[in-house]
Structure formats: structure tokens, C-alpha cells
Amino acid sequence: MRIGELAAQTGLSRDAIRFYERTGLVTGERLPNGYRDFPPETVPWLAYVRTAQALGFSLAEIARTGEELRDAPDSAEALSALFEEKIAAIDARMAQLGALRADLTARAGSGCPLRAG
């Protein structure tokens, strides 16, 4: 299918699809007339990409895990493992942000800590 049809079916812009192609997330065959031709399985793959992004996965993570998921005999188990990893990373980041917030709260109203007293 051509890029316009793919854009219509996925709700993505042509520019977004071209970006995903440049980054290697999707591949379209170049036809002799210069048009791109994308296979039908690109539609569900792009739905997966959008969902994964909404869940906080970076495009690099999506590219890496997409290959792993395609090769996994049980993709539900593989997805659960990926989600657990992401949850652990979020928990660690939340702990860091909590510590930063506590530090900022303790310093609030005490003047600039960078100026000589």
C-alpha cells in the first residue's frame, strides 16, 4: 500500500511514517516510479508503535523490543517481561524525583545555595 493509504489507515501523518522509515521502524519498498509500497502488516505494527509510545517506551526501545517480540514463541510472556522492566525503571525514576523534590523543598526559602554566604 502507498504511504497515503497507510497514513489514512493508521491516523499517522505521511511525515511521521517517513520518519519511522528513516529510523528503521518500518520499511517500504521503492517502486520504479519512486513511490513507497508498504506491506499490509505495517498497519498493526504502527498501531503497536503508537501504543508503546503512549506507554512510555522510546522509539529505540520499540525498535529493539519489536524484533524480540517477533521472534518470541510466547509474545504475551515477553510483553509482560518488558512491562515489568519498564515499571521498575519508572519506580527508580520516581524515587530519584522524590529525593530531588525533598531536597528542593528543604532548600526553599533558604536563599541561593550557589552564592557565597
N, C-alpha and C. Protein backbone atom coordinates (compact mmCIF):
# COMPACT_ATOMS: atom_id res chain seq x y z
N MET A 1 0.84 -1.17 0.00
CA MET A 1 0.00 0.00 0.00
C MET A 1 0.89 1.24 0.00
N ARG A 2 0.39 2.29 -0.59
CA ARG A 2 1.15 3.53 -0.66
C ARG A 2 1.05 4.28 0.66
N ILE A 3 1.93 5.25 0.80
CA ILE A 3 2.05 5.97 2.07
C ILE A 3 0.77 6.72 2.44
N GLY A 4 0.05 7.25 1.46
CA GLY A 4 -1.20 7.95 1.75
C GLY A 4 -2.25 7.02 2.33
N GLU A 5 -2.35 5.83 1.78
CA GLU A 5 -3.30 4.84 2.28
C GLU A 5 -2.89 4.38 3.68
N LEU A 6 -1.59 4.18 3.87
CA LEU A 6 -1.09 3.78 5.19
C LEU A 6 -1.37 4.88 6.21
N ALA A 7 -1.18 6.12 5.82
CA ALA A 7 -1.47 7.24 6.72
C ALA A 7 -2.95 7.26 7.08
N ALA A 8 -3.81 7.05 6.10
CA ALA A 8 -5.25 7.06 6.36
C ALA A 8 -5.66 5.92 7.29
N GLN A 9 -5.07 4.74 7.11
CA GLN A 9 -5.45 3.59 7.92
C GLN A 9 -4.90 3.66 9.34
N THR A 10 -3.78 4.36 9.53
CA THR A 10 -3.16 4.40 10.86
C THR A 10 -3.44 5.68 11.62
N GLY A 11 -3.87 6.72 10.92
CA GLY A 11 -4.07 8.01 11.57
C GLY A 11 -2.79 8.79 11.77
N LEU A 12 -1.71 8.29 11.20
CA LEU A 12 -0.42 8.99 11.28
C LEU A 12 -0.26 9.88 10.05
N SER A 13 0.57 10.89 10.19
CA SER A 13 0.86 11.74 9.04
C SER A 13 1.88 11.04 8.14
N ARG A 14 1.92 11.47 6.91
CA ARG A 14 2.93 10.93 5.98
C ARG A 14 4.34 11.23 6.50
N ASP A 15 4.50 12.41 7.08
CA ASP A 15 5.81 12.77 7.63
C ASP A 15 6.21 11.83 8.75
N ALA A 16 5.27 11.46 9.61
CA ALA A 16 5.57 10.53 10.70
C ALA A 16 5.99 9.18 10.14
N ILE A 17 5.29 8.72 9.13
CA ILE A 17 5.63 7.43 8.52
C ILE A 17 7.00 7.50 7.87
N ARG A 18 7.29 8.60 7.19
CA ARG A 18 8.62 8.77 6.60
C ARG A 18 9.70 8.78 7.68
N PHE A 19 9.41 9.44 8.81
CA PHE A 19 10.36 9.46 9.93
C PHE A 19 10.59 8.04 10.44
N TYR A 20 9.51 7.29 10.64
CA TYR A 20 9.65 5.91 11.11
C TYR A 20 10.44 5.07 10.11
N GLU A 21 10.28 5.38 8.83
CA GLU A 21 11.04 4.65 7.81
C GLU A 21 12.53 5.00 7.91
N ARG A 22 12.83 6.29 8.08
CA ARG A 22 14.24 6.70 8.21
C ARG A 22 14.90 6.08 9.43
N THR A 23 14.14 5.91 10.50
CA THR A 23 14.70 5.34 11.73
C THR A 23 14.68 3.82 11.73
N GLY A 24 14.12 3.22 10.69
CA GLY A 24 14.14 1.77 10.57
C GLY A 24 12.98 1.05 11.24
N LEU A 25 11.99 1.78 11.72
CA LEU A 25 10.84 1.12 12.35
C LEU A 25 9.92 0.47 11.33
N VAL A 26 9.83 1.04 10.15
CA VAL A 26 9.06 0.44 9.06
C VAL A 26 9.90 0.46 7.80
N THR A 27 9.58 -0.44 6.91
CA THR A 27 10.29 -0.45 5.63
C THR A 27 9.27 -0.50 4.51
N GLY A 28 9.50 0.34 3.55
CA GLY A 28 8.67 0.35 2.36
C GLY A 28 9.55 0.11 1.15
N GLU A 29 9.06 -0.69 0.26
CA GLU A 29 9.80 -0.97 -0.97
C GLU A 29 9.63 0.21 -1.92
N ARG A 30 10.72 0.63 -2.53
CA ARG A 30 10.65 1.70 -3.52
C ARG A 30 10.27 1.10 -4.87
N LEU A 31 9.20 1.60 -5.42
CA LEU A 31 8.75 1.15 -6.73
C LEU A 31 9.51 1.92 -7.81
N PRO A 32 9.53 1.41 -9.04
CA PRO A 32 10.25 2.12 -10.11
C PRO A 32 9.80 3.56 -10.31
N ASN A 33 8.53 3.85 -9.99
CA ASN A 33 8.04 5.23 -10.15
C ASN A 33 8.39 6.12 -8.97
N GLY A 34 9.12 5.57 -7.97
CA GLY A 34 9.56 6.35 -6.82
C GLY A 34 8.65 6.28 -5.62
N TYR A 35 7.45 5.74 -5.80
CA TYR A 35 6.53 5.60 -4.67
C TYR A 35 7.01 4.51 -3.72
N ARG A 36 6.60 4.65 -2.46
CA ARG A 36 6.88 3.61 -1.47
C ARG A 36 5.69 2.65 -1.45
N ASP A 37 6.00 1.37 -1.26
CA ASP A 37 4.95 0.37 -1.13
C ASP A 37 5.18 -0.35 0.19
N PHE A 38 4.20 -0.24 1.10
CA PHE A 38 4.31 -0.84 2.42
C PHE A 38 3.46 -2.10 2.49
N PRO A 39 3.96 -3.15 3.12
CA PRO A 39 3.16 -4.37 3.26
C PRO A 39 2.00 -4.16 4.22
N PRO A 40 0.93 -4.96 4.09
CA PRO A 40 -0.26 -4.79 4.95
C PRO A 40 0.04 -4.92 6.44
N GLU A 41 1.02 -5.72 6.82
CA GLU A 41 1.32 -5.90 8.25
C GLU A 41 1.92 -4.65 8.89
N THR A 42 2.19 -3.63 8.09
CA THR A 42 2.68 -2.36 8.64
C THR A 42 1.60 -1.67 9.47
N VAL A 43 0.33 -1.87 9.12
CA VAL A 43 -0.77 -1.21 9.84
C VAL A 43 -0.81 -1.64 11.31
N PRO A 44 -0.88 -2.95 11.62
CA PRO A 44 -0.88 -3.33 13.04
C PRO A 44 0.43 -3.00 13.74
N TRP A 45 1.54 -3.05 13.01
CA TRP A 45 2.82 -2.72 13.61
C TRP A 45 2.83 -1.25 14.05
N LEU A 46 2.32 -0.35 13.22
CA LEU A 46 2.28 1.06 13.59
C LEU A 46 1.31 1.31 14.74
N ALA A 47 0.25 0.53 14.84
CA ALA A 47 -0.64 0.63 16.00
C ALA A 47 0.12 0.23 17.26
N TYR A 48 0.95 -0.81 17.15
CA TYR A 48 1.79 -1.23 18.28
C TYR A 48 2.76 -0.12 18.66
N VAL A 49 3.38 0.50 17.67
CA VAL A 49 4.35 1.58 17.91
C VAL A 49 3.67 2.73 18.67
N ARG A 50 2.49 3.12 18.22
CA ARG A 50 1.77 4.23 18.88
C ARG A 50 1.40 3.88 20.31
N THR A 51 0.94 2.66 20.52
CA THR A 51 0.57 2.23 21.87
C THR A 51 1.79 2.19 22.77
N ALA A 52 2.88 1.63 22.26
CA ALA A 52 4.11 1.54 23.05
C ALA A 52 4.63 2.93 23.42
N GLN A 53 4.56 3.88 22.49
CA GLN A 53 4.97 5.24 22.79
C GLN A 53 4.09 5.84 23.88
N ALA A 54 2.79 5.59 23.80
CA ALA A 54 1.87 6.12 24.81
C ALA A 54 2.16 5.52 26.19
N LEU A 55 2.73 4.32 26.22
CA LEU A 55 3.08 3.66 27.47
C LEU A 55 4.47 4.06 27.98
N GLY A 56 5.13 4.98 27.26
CA GLY A 56 6.40 5.49 27.74
C GLY A 56 7.64 4.86 27.14
N PHE A 57 7.48 4.01 26.13
CA PHE A 57 8.64 3.40 25.50
C PHE A 57 9.20 4.34 24.45
N SER A 58 10.52 4.44 24.38
CA SER A 58 11.16 5.27 23.37
C SER A 58 11.14 4.52 22.03
N LEU A 59 11.39 5.25 20.95
CA LEU A 59 11.43 4.60 19.64
C LEU A 59 12.56 3.58 19.57
N ALA A 60 13.68 3.86 20.23
CA ALA A 60 14.78 2.89 20.26
C ALA A 60 14.35 1.61 20.97
N GLU A 61 13.65 1.76 22.09
CA GLU A 61 13.15 0.58 22.81
C GLU A 61 12.14 -0.18 21.97
N ILE A 62 11.29 0.54 21.27
CA ILE A 62 10.28 -0.10 20.43
C ILE A 62 10.95 -0.87 19.30
N ALA A 63 11.96 -0.27 18.68
CA ALA A 63 12.66 -0.96 17.60
C ALA A 63 13.33 -2.23 18.11
N ARG A 64 13.98 -2.13 19.26
CA ARG A 64 14.68 -3.29 19.83
C ARG A 64 13.69 -4.37 20.25
N THR A 65 12.67 -3.98 20.99
CA THR A 65 11.72 -4.96 21.51
C THR A 65 10.83 -5.52 20.42
N GLY A 66 10.57 -4.74 19.39
CA GLY A 66 9.75 -5.25 18.29
C GLY A 66 10.39 -6.45 17.64
N GLU A 67 11.69 -6.39 17.43
CA GLU A 67 12.40 -7.53 16.86
C GLU A 67 12.35 -8.72 17.81
N GLU A 68 12.53 -8.46 19.11
CA GLU A 68 12.49 -9.54 20.10
C GLU A 68 11.11 -10.18 20.14
N LEU A 69 10.07 -9.36 20.08
CA LEU A 69 8.70 -9.89 20.17
C LEU A 69 8.34 -10.73 18.95
N ARG A 70 8.81 -10.32 17.80
CA ARG A 70 8.51 -11.10 16.59
C ARG A 70 9.13 -12.49 16.67
N ASP A 71 10.29 -12.60 17.33
CA ASP A 71 10.98 -13.88 17.43
C ASP A 71 10.58 -14.68 18.66
N ALA A 72 9.82 -14.09 19.58
CA ALA A 72 9.46 -14.77 20.83
C ALA A 72 8.36 -15.80 20.58
N PRO A 73 8.52 -17.01 21.13
CA PRO A 73 7.47 -18.02 20.95
C PRO A 73 6.18 -17.64 21.69
N ASP A 74 6.30 -16.94 22.81
CA ASP A 74 5.13 -16.51 23.58
C ASP A 74 5.24 -15.00 23.78
N SER A 75 4.62 -14.25 22.87
CA SER A 75 4.78 -12.79 22.93
C SER A 75 4.09 -12.19 24.16
N ALA A 76 3.05 -12.83 24.69
CA ALA A 76 2.40 -12.31 25.90
C ALA A 76 3.36 -12.34 27.07
N GLU A 77 4.10 -13.43 27.18
CA GLU A 77 5.10 -13.53 28.26
C GLU A 77 6.22 -12.52 28.05
N ALA A 78 6.65 -12.38 26.81
CA ALA A 78 7.71 -11.41 26.50
C ALA A 78 7.24 -9.99 26.79
N LEU A 79 5.99 -9.68 26.45
CA LEU A 79 5.45 -8.34 26.72
C LEU A 79 5.37 -8.09 28.21
N SER A 80 4.94 -9.08 28.96
CA SER A 80 4.86 -8.93 30.42
C SER A 80 6.22 -8.62 31.00
N ALA A 81 7.25 -9.29 30.50
CA ALA A 81 8.62 -9.03 30.97
C ALA A 81 9.04 -7.61 30.64
N LEU A 82 8.71 -7.14 29.44
CA LEU A 82 9.05 -5.76 29.05
C LEU A 82 8.33 -4.76 29.94
N PHE A 83 7.07 -5.03 30.23
CA PHE A 83 6.30 -4.12 31.09
C PHE A 83 6.89 -4.08 32.49
N GLU A 84 7.30 -5.23 33.00
CA GLU A 84 7.91 -5.27 34.34
C GLU A 84 9.20 -4.46 34.37
N GLU A 85 10.00 -4.57 33.31
CA GLU A 85 11.24 -3.78 33.22
C GLU A 85 10.92 -2.29 33.20
N LYS A 86 9.91 -1.91 32.43
CA LYS A 86 9.53 -0.50 32.33
C LYS A 86 9.01 0.00 33.67
N ILE A 87 8.21 -0.81 34.35
CA ILE A 87 7.69 -0.43 35.66
C ILE A 87 8.83 -0.22 36.65
N ALA A 88 9.82 -1.10 36.62
CA ALA A 88 10.98 -0.96 37.51
C ALA A 88 11.74 0.34 37.20
N ALA A 89 11.90 0.65 35.92
CA ALA A 89 12.58 1.89 35.54
C ALA A 89 11.78 3.12 36.00
N ILE A 90 10.47 3.05 35.87
CA ILE A 90 9.62 4.16 36.32
C ILE A 90 9.71 4.31 37.83
N ASP A 91 9.67 3.19 38.55
CA ASP A 91 9.78 3.24 40.02
C ASP A 91 11.11 3.87 40.45
N ALA A 92 12.20 3.49 39.77
CA ALA A 92 13.51 4.05 40.10
C ALA A 92 13.52 5.56 39.82
N ARG A 93 12.95 5.95 38.70
CA ARG A 93 12.91 7.38 38.36
C ARG A 93 12.05 8.15 39.35
N MET A 94 10.94 7.55 39.78
CA MET A 94 10.08 8.21 40.76
C MET A 94 10.81 8.39 42.09
N ALA A 95 11.63 7.41 42.47
CA ALA A 95 12.41 7.54 43.70
C ALA A 95 13.42 8.68 43.57
N GLN A 96 14.07 8.77 42.40
CA GLN A 96 15.01 9.86 42.17
C GLN A 96 14.31 11.21 42.24
N LEU A 97 13.16 11.30 41.60
CA LEU A 97 12.41 12.55 41.61
C LEU A 97 11.91 12.90 43.01
N GLY A 98 11.53 11.89 43.78
CA GLY A 98 11.11 12.12 45.16
C GLY A 98 12.24 12.69 46.00
N ALA A 99 13.44 12.14 45.82
CA ALA A 99 14.60 12.65 46.55
C ALA A 99 14.93 14.08 46.12
N LEU A 100 14.84 14.34 44.83
CA LEU A 100 15.09 15.69 44.32
C LEU A 100 14.05 16.67 44.87
N ARG A 101 12.80 16.24 44.90
CA ARG A 101 11.75 17.10 45.44
C ARG A 101 12.00 17.41 46.91
N ALA A 102 12.38 16.40 47.67
CA ALA A 102 12.66 16.60 49.10
C ALA A 102 13.81 17.58 49.29
N ASP A 103 14.84 17.46 48.46
CA ASP A 103 16.00 18.35 48.55
C ASP A 103 15.58 19.78 48.22
N LEU A 104 14.80 19.94 47.16
CA LEU A 104 14.34 21.28 46.79
C LEU A 104 13.44 21.88 47.87
N THR A 105 12.57 21.07 48.43
CA THR A 105 11.68 21.54 49.49
C THR A 105 12.48 22.00 50.70
N ALA A 106 13.52 21.26 51.04
CA ALA A 106 14.36 21.63 52.19
C ALA A 106 15.11 22.93 51.94
N ARG A 107 15.44 23.20 50.68
CA ARG A 107 16.21 24.41 50.35
C ARG A 107 15.33 25.62 50.08
N ALA A 108 14.06 25.42 49.87
CA ALA A 108 13.16 26.53 49.54
C ALA A 108 13.19 27.57 50.66
N GLY A 109 13.35 28.82 50.26
CA GLY A 109 13.35 29.92 51.22
C GLY A 109 14.66 30.14 51.93
N SER A 110 15.67 29.34 51.58
CA SER A 110 16.95 29.48 52.28
C SER A 110 17.98 30.27 51.47
N GLY A 111 17.56 30.87 50.38
CA GLY A 111 18.49 31.63 49.56
C GLY A 111 19.16 30.73 48.54
N CYS A 112 19.98 31.33 47.74
CA CYS A 112 20.65 30.59 46.68
C CYS A 112 21.82 29.80 47.25
N PRO A 113 21.84 28.49 47.08
CA PRO A 113 22.94 27.70 47.62
C PRO A 113 24.24 27.88 46.85
N LEU A 114 24.20 28.56 45.71
CA LEU A 114 25.39 28.74 44.89
C LEU A 114 26.16 30.02 45.24
N ARG A 115 25.52 30.92 45.94
CA ARG A 115 26.18 32.18 46.30
C ARG A 115 26.96 32.00 47.59
N ALA A 116 28.07 32.69 47.66
CA ALA A 116 28.88 32.65 48.89
C ALA A 116 28.11 33.37 49.99
N GLY A 117 28.09 32.76 51.17
CA GLY A 117 27.33 33.29 52.29
C GLY A 117 27.95 34.44 52.92
